[in-house]
Amino acid sequence: MNSTPATPRVDLYAPIHKALRSMMMETLHAAGRVDVHDATDLHDLCERVLALSVACASHMRHENDFIHPALEMRAPGTSRYAACEHTQQRAAIVGLHEAAARLGTACPATQRAACAQDLYRKLCIFTAENLDHMLAEEVEHNPVLWACYSDSELQALQGRILAATPPAENLAMLRWMIPALPPTERAETLAALRASASVPVFTATLHAVQPHLSGKDWAKLGDALAPARKVA
């Protein structure tokens, strides 16, 4: 089956996966350059790792609770391998939590460099495995979803996922997702949010996103969303 349809289809994977990839790479970069002699630097890194762990665990639950059942309902067996990998990922997330906690609170000063290296290596493995896992979902699961479900059904499924996501968690993920999208998709996503969310929620999203866009990209977004540009 074709993982790149000739006519654009509702894609439940690509936007959130772009957000997670961006989050993973920035966290990995932060771990690689952390100053183990700077308490603030160490604290910030540990907070990044914990936030990444929470985001990945939440995304995995959404796939387990919503997408996998949809796949199994109309294409039994399709999600079996991904579900097995999710079990392994849960253990990896626990390992990241433990490594971050050890570096942040339980690691003697003389062992901080070793603890930081251990965390960095765990992040390397976690990132590599998740990049492979997410790509497999996009190229293997999407064609099944597109063959078995209409776009309106996929949009309804996406709506159920969003309804199950706490507002603060959704805002935190939009902070990563919006900058990770190309300009057209970025504007479309925010236009849809503006149409469905309250003004305070939309404004909060713009404020969360703006620091992570270049001046050029922010201007493009403002032009696409006019007159919403003035909200921020």
Protein backbone atom coordinates (compact mmCIF):
# COMPACT_ATOMS: atom_id res chain seq x y z
CA MET A 1 0.00 0.00 0.00
CA ASN A 2 1.12 3.54 -0.77
CA SER A 3 2.26 5.56 2.26
CA THR A 4 2.09 8.80 0.23
CA PRO A 5 -1.39 9.10 -1.31
CA ALA A 6 -1.91 11.13 -4.47
CA THR A 7 -4.73 13.01 -2.75
CA PRO A 8 -3.89 14.28 0.75
CA ARG A 9 -5.56 12.25 3.50
CA VAL A 10 -6.07 12.82 7.20
CA ASP A 11 -2.77 11.80 8.81
CA LEU A 12 -3.01 10.88 12.48
CA TYR A 13 0.72 10.28 12.78
CA ALA A 14 2.83 12.86 10.94
CA PRO A 15 2.16 16.08 12.92
CA ILE A 16 2.56 14.59 16.40
CA HIS A 17 5.56 12.55 15.27
CA LYS A 18 7.24 15.70 13.94
CA ALA A 19 6.69 17.29 17.35
CA LEU A 20 8.17 14.32 19.18
CA ARG A 21 11.16 14.09 16.82
CA SER A 22 11.92 17.76 17.41
CA MET A 23 11.56 17.33 21.17
CA MET A 24 13.80 14.26 21.16
CA MET A 25 16.54 15.89 19.12
CA GLU A 26 16.63 19.08 21.19
CA THR A 27 16.70 17.04 24.40
CA LEU A 28 19.48 14.87 23.03
CA HIS A 29 21.49 17.95 22.04
CA ALA A 30 20.98 19.43 25.51
CA ALA A 31 22.21 16.22 27.13
CA GLY A 32 25.29 16.18 24.92
CA ARG A 33 26.37 19.69 25.86
CA VAL A 34 25.27 19.85 29.52
CA ASP A 35 27.66 21.50 31.98
CA VAL A 36 27.84 19.01 34.86
CA HIS A 37 29.32 21.73 37.10
CA ASP A 38 26.30 24.02 36.63
CA ALA A 39 23.35 23.14 38.87
CA THR A 40 20.91 25.14 36.76
CA ASP A 41 22.07 23.45 33.59
CA LEU A 42 21.64 20.03 35.18
CA HIS A 43 18.19 20.90 36.50
CA ASP A 44 17.05 22.18 33.10
CA LEU A 45 18.26 19.01 31.39
CA CYS A 46 16.49 16.76 33.87
CA GLU A 47 13.27 18.74 33.39
CA ARG A 48 13.62 18.36 29.62
CA VAL A 49 14.06 14.60 29.94
CA LEU A 50 11.07 14.27 32.24
CA ALA A 51 8.91 16.36 29.89
CA LEU A 52 9.98 14.20 26.95
CA SER A 53 9.19 11.05 28.90
CA VAL A 54 5.73 12.32 29.80
CA ALA A 55 5.02 13.36 26.19
CA CYS A 56 6.12 10.00 24.78
CA ALA A 57 4.15 8.04 27.37
CA SER A 58 1.02 10.08 26.65
CA HIS A 59 1.36 9.65 22.90
CA MET A 60 1.85 5.92 23.34
CA ARG A 61 -1.32 5.68 25.44
CA HIS A 62 -3.29 7.51 22.77
CA GLU A 63 -2.09 5.06 20.15
CA ASN A 64 -2.87 2.09 22.38
CA ASP A 65 -6.30 3.39 23.39
CA PHE A 66 -7.51 4.82 20.08
CA ILE A 67 -5.46 4.05 16.97
CA HIS A 68 -4.59 0.41 17.62
CA PRO A 69 -8.22 -0.55 18.37
CA ALA A 70 -9.27 1.17 15.13
CA LEU A 71 -6.65 -0.80 13.20
CA GLU A 72 -7.62 -4.08 14.84
CA MET A 73 -11.33 -3.51 14.23
CA ARG A 74 -10.94 -3.49 10.45
CA ALA A 75 -7.51 -5.04 9.86
CA PRO A 76 -6.86 -7.57 12.64
CA GLY A 77 -3.22 -8.09 13.51
CA THR A 78 -2.05 -4.82 11.99
CA SER A 79 -0.96 -3.21 15.25
CA ARG A 80 0.52 -6.30 16.92
CA TYR A 81 4.19 -5.50 16.28
CA ALA A 82 3.84 -1.82 17.24
CA ALA A 83 2.07 -2.84 20.44
CA CYS A 84 4.99 -5.11 21.36
CA GLU A 85 7.40 -2.24 20.76
CA HIS A 86 5.28 -0.04 23.01
CA THR A 87 5.87 -2.49 25.85
CA GLN A 88 9.61 -2.11 25.32
CA GLN A 89 9.27 1.67 25.14
CA ARG A 90 7.54 1.78 28.51
CA ALA A 91 10.60 0.14 30.06
CA ALA A 92 12.87 2.60 28.24
CA ILE A 93 10.86 5.54 29.58
CA VAL A 94 11.28 4.22 33.12
CA GLY A 95 15.01 3.99 32.45
CA LEU A 96 15.11 7.63 31.32
CA HIS A 97 13.24 8.73 34.44
CA GLU A 98 15.68 6.86 36.65
CA ALA A 99 18.75 8.19 34.84
CA ALA A 100 17.47 11.77 35.01
CA ALA A 101 16.60 11.44 38.70
CA ARG A 102 20.01 9.98 39.44
CA LEU A 103 21.78 12.84 37.67
CA GLY A 104 19.57 15.49 39.22
CA THR A 105 19.47 14.45 42.85
CA ALA A 106 21.34 11.27 43.74
CA CYS A 107 24.60 11.57 41.85
CA PRO A 108 27.71 12.66 43.84
CA ALA A 109 29.65 15.54 42.31
CA THR A 110 32.54 13.23 41.46
CA GLN A 111 30.22 10.99 39.42
CA ARG A 112 28.17 13.61 37.59
CA ALA A 113 30.11 13.29 34.35
CA ALA A 114 29.53 9.53 34.33
CA CYS A 115 25.84 9.95 35.20
CA ALA A 116 25.43 12.56 32.45
CA GLN A 117 27.08 10.24 29.94
CA ASP A 118 24.78 7.40 31.00
CA LEU A 119 21.73 9.60 30.48
CA TYR A 120 23.04 10.79 27.12
CA ARG A 121 23.57 7.24 25.90
CA LYS A 122 20.12 6.17 27.05
CA LEU A 123 18.67 9.14 25.17
CA CYS A 124 20.64 8.16 22.05
CA ILE A 125 19.19 4.65 22.12
CA PHE A 126 15.69 5.87 22.98
CA THR A 127 15.73 8.43 20.18
CA ALA A 128 17.08 6.01 17.58
CA GLU A 129 14.53 3.33 18.45
CA ASN A 130 11.66 5.82 18.43
CA LEU A 131 12.66 7.35 15.11
CA ASP A 132 12.53 3.88 13.57
CA HIS A 133 9.26 3.05 15.34
CA MET A 134 7.49 6.25 14.29
CA LEU A 135 8.56 5.91 10.67
CA ALA A 136 7.26 2.34 10.59
CA GLU A 137 3.89 3.51 11.90
CA GLU A 138 3.69 6.22 9.24
CA VAL A 139 4.55 3.98 6.29
CA GLU A 140 2.76 0.82 7.49
CA HIS A 141 -0.22 1.91 9.58
CA ASN A 142 -1.30 4.96 7.59
CA PRO A 143 -2.05 3.01 4.39
CA VAL A 144 -4.20 0.60 6.41
CA LEU A 145 -6.10 3.44 8.05
CA TRP A 146 -6.63 5.14 4.70
CA ALA A 147 -7.86 1.91 3.11
CA CYS A 148 -10.22 1.09 5.97
CA TYR A 149 -11.50 4.50 7.08
CA SER A 150 -12.84 7.63 5.42
CA ASP A 151 -11.35 11.01 6.24
CA SER A 152 -14.45 11.93 8.23
CA GLU A 153 -13.99 8.80 10.35
CA LEU A 154 -10.32 9.59 10.88
CA GLN A 155 -11.19 13.17 11.84
CA ALA A 156 -13.67 11.83 14.38
CA LEU A 157 -10.99 9.53 15.78
CA GLN A 158 -8.60 12.47 15.99
CA GLY A 159 -11.28 14.43 17.82
CA ARG A 160 -11.62 11.68 20.41
CA ILE A 161 -7.87 11.71 20.97
CA LEU A 162 -7.89 15.49 21.47
CA ALA A 163 -10.87 15.25 23.82
CA ALA A 164 -8.90 12.79 25.95
CA THR A 165 -5.91 15.15 26.15
CA PRO A 166 -5.79 17.65 29.06
CA PRO A 167 -5.62 21.28 27.81
CA ALA A 168 -2.22 21.94 29.42
CA GLU A 169 -0.77 18.83 27.81
CA ASN A 170 -2.18 19.80 24.43
CA LEU A 171 -0.70 23.29 24.69
CA ALA A 172 2.70 21.86 25.64
CA MET A 173 2.65 19.62 22.59
CA LEU A 174 1.50 22.39 20.24
CA ARG A 175 4.58 24.35 21.34
CA TRP A 176 6.64 21.60 19.65
CA MET A 177 4.28 20.65 16.85
CA ILE A 178 3.58 24.02 15.27
CA PRO A 179 7.25 24.99 14.74
CA ALA A 180 7.96 21.48 13.38
CA LEU A 181 5.41 21.84 10.56
CA PRO A 182 5.97 23.52 7.18
CA PRO A 183 4.38 26.98 6.86
CA THR A 184 1.21 25.88 5.07
CA GLU A 185 0.43 23.09 7.54
CA ARG A 186 1.35 25.38 10.42
CA ALA A 187 -1.21 27.94 9.30
CA GLU A 188 -3.87 25.30 8.61
CA THR A 189 -3.43 23.78 12.05
CA LEU A 190 -3.73 27.12 13.80
CA ALA A 191 -6.65 28.21 11.62
CA ALA A 192 -8.49 25.04 12.66
CA LEU A 193 -7.66 25.75 16.29
CA ARG A 194 -8.91 29.33 15.98
CA ALA A 195 -12.20 28.02 14.58
CA SER A 196 -12.73 25.50 17.38
CA ALA A 197 -11.09 26.93 20.50
CA SER A 198 -11.77 29.93 22.71
CA VAL A 199 -9.88 33.17 22.13
CA PRO A 200 -7.79 32.71 25.33
CA VAL A 201 -6.72 29.22 24.23
CA PHE A 202 -5.82 30.41 20.74
CA THR A 203 -3.91 33.39 22.14
CA ALA A 204 -2.04 31.20 24.61
CA THR A 205 -1.04 28.92 21.75
CA LEU A 206 0.32 31.81 19.71
CA HIS A 207 2.32 33.03 22.69
CA ALA A 208 3.70 29.53 23.29
CA VAL A 209 4.72 29.13 19.67
CA GLN A 210 6.15 32.55 18.79
CA PRO A 211 9.50 32.22 20.65
CA HIS A 212 10.25 29.07 18.68
CA LEU A 213 9.66 30.51 15.21
CA SER A 214 12.08 32.65 13.26
CA GLY A 215 11.04 36.20 12.45
CA LYS A 216 10.45 35.14 8.86
CA ASP A 217 8.27 32.18 9.82
CA TRP A 218 6.30 34.26 12.32
CA ALA A 219 5.61 36.86 9.61
CA LYS A 220 4.42 34.14 7.22
CA LEU A 221 2.12 32.79 9.90
CA GLY A 222 0.76 36.25 10.63
CA ASP A 223 0.00 36.83 6.96
CA ALA A 224 -1.75 33.47 6.69
CA LEU A 225 -3.83 34.00 9.81
CA ALA A 226 -4.67 37.70 9.36
CA PRO A 227 -6.39 39.32 11.19
CA ALA A 228 -5.47 36.88 13.99
CA ARG A 229 -1.90 38.14 13.79
CA LYS A 230 -2.71 41.04 16.08
CA VAL A 231 -3.87 38.70 18.87
CA ALA A 232 -0.25 38.10 19.96
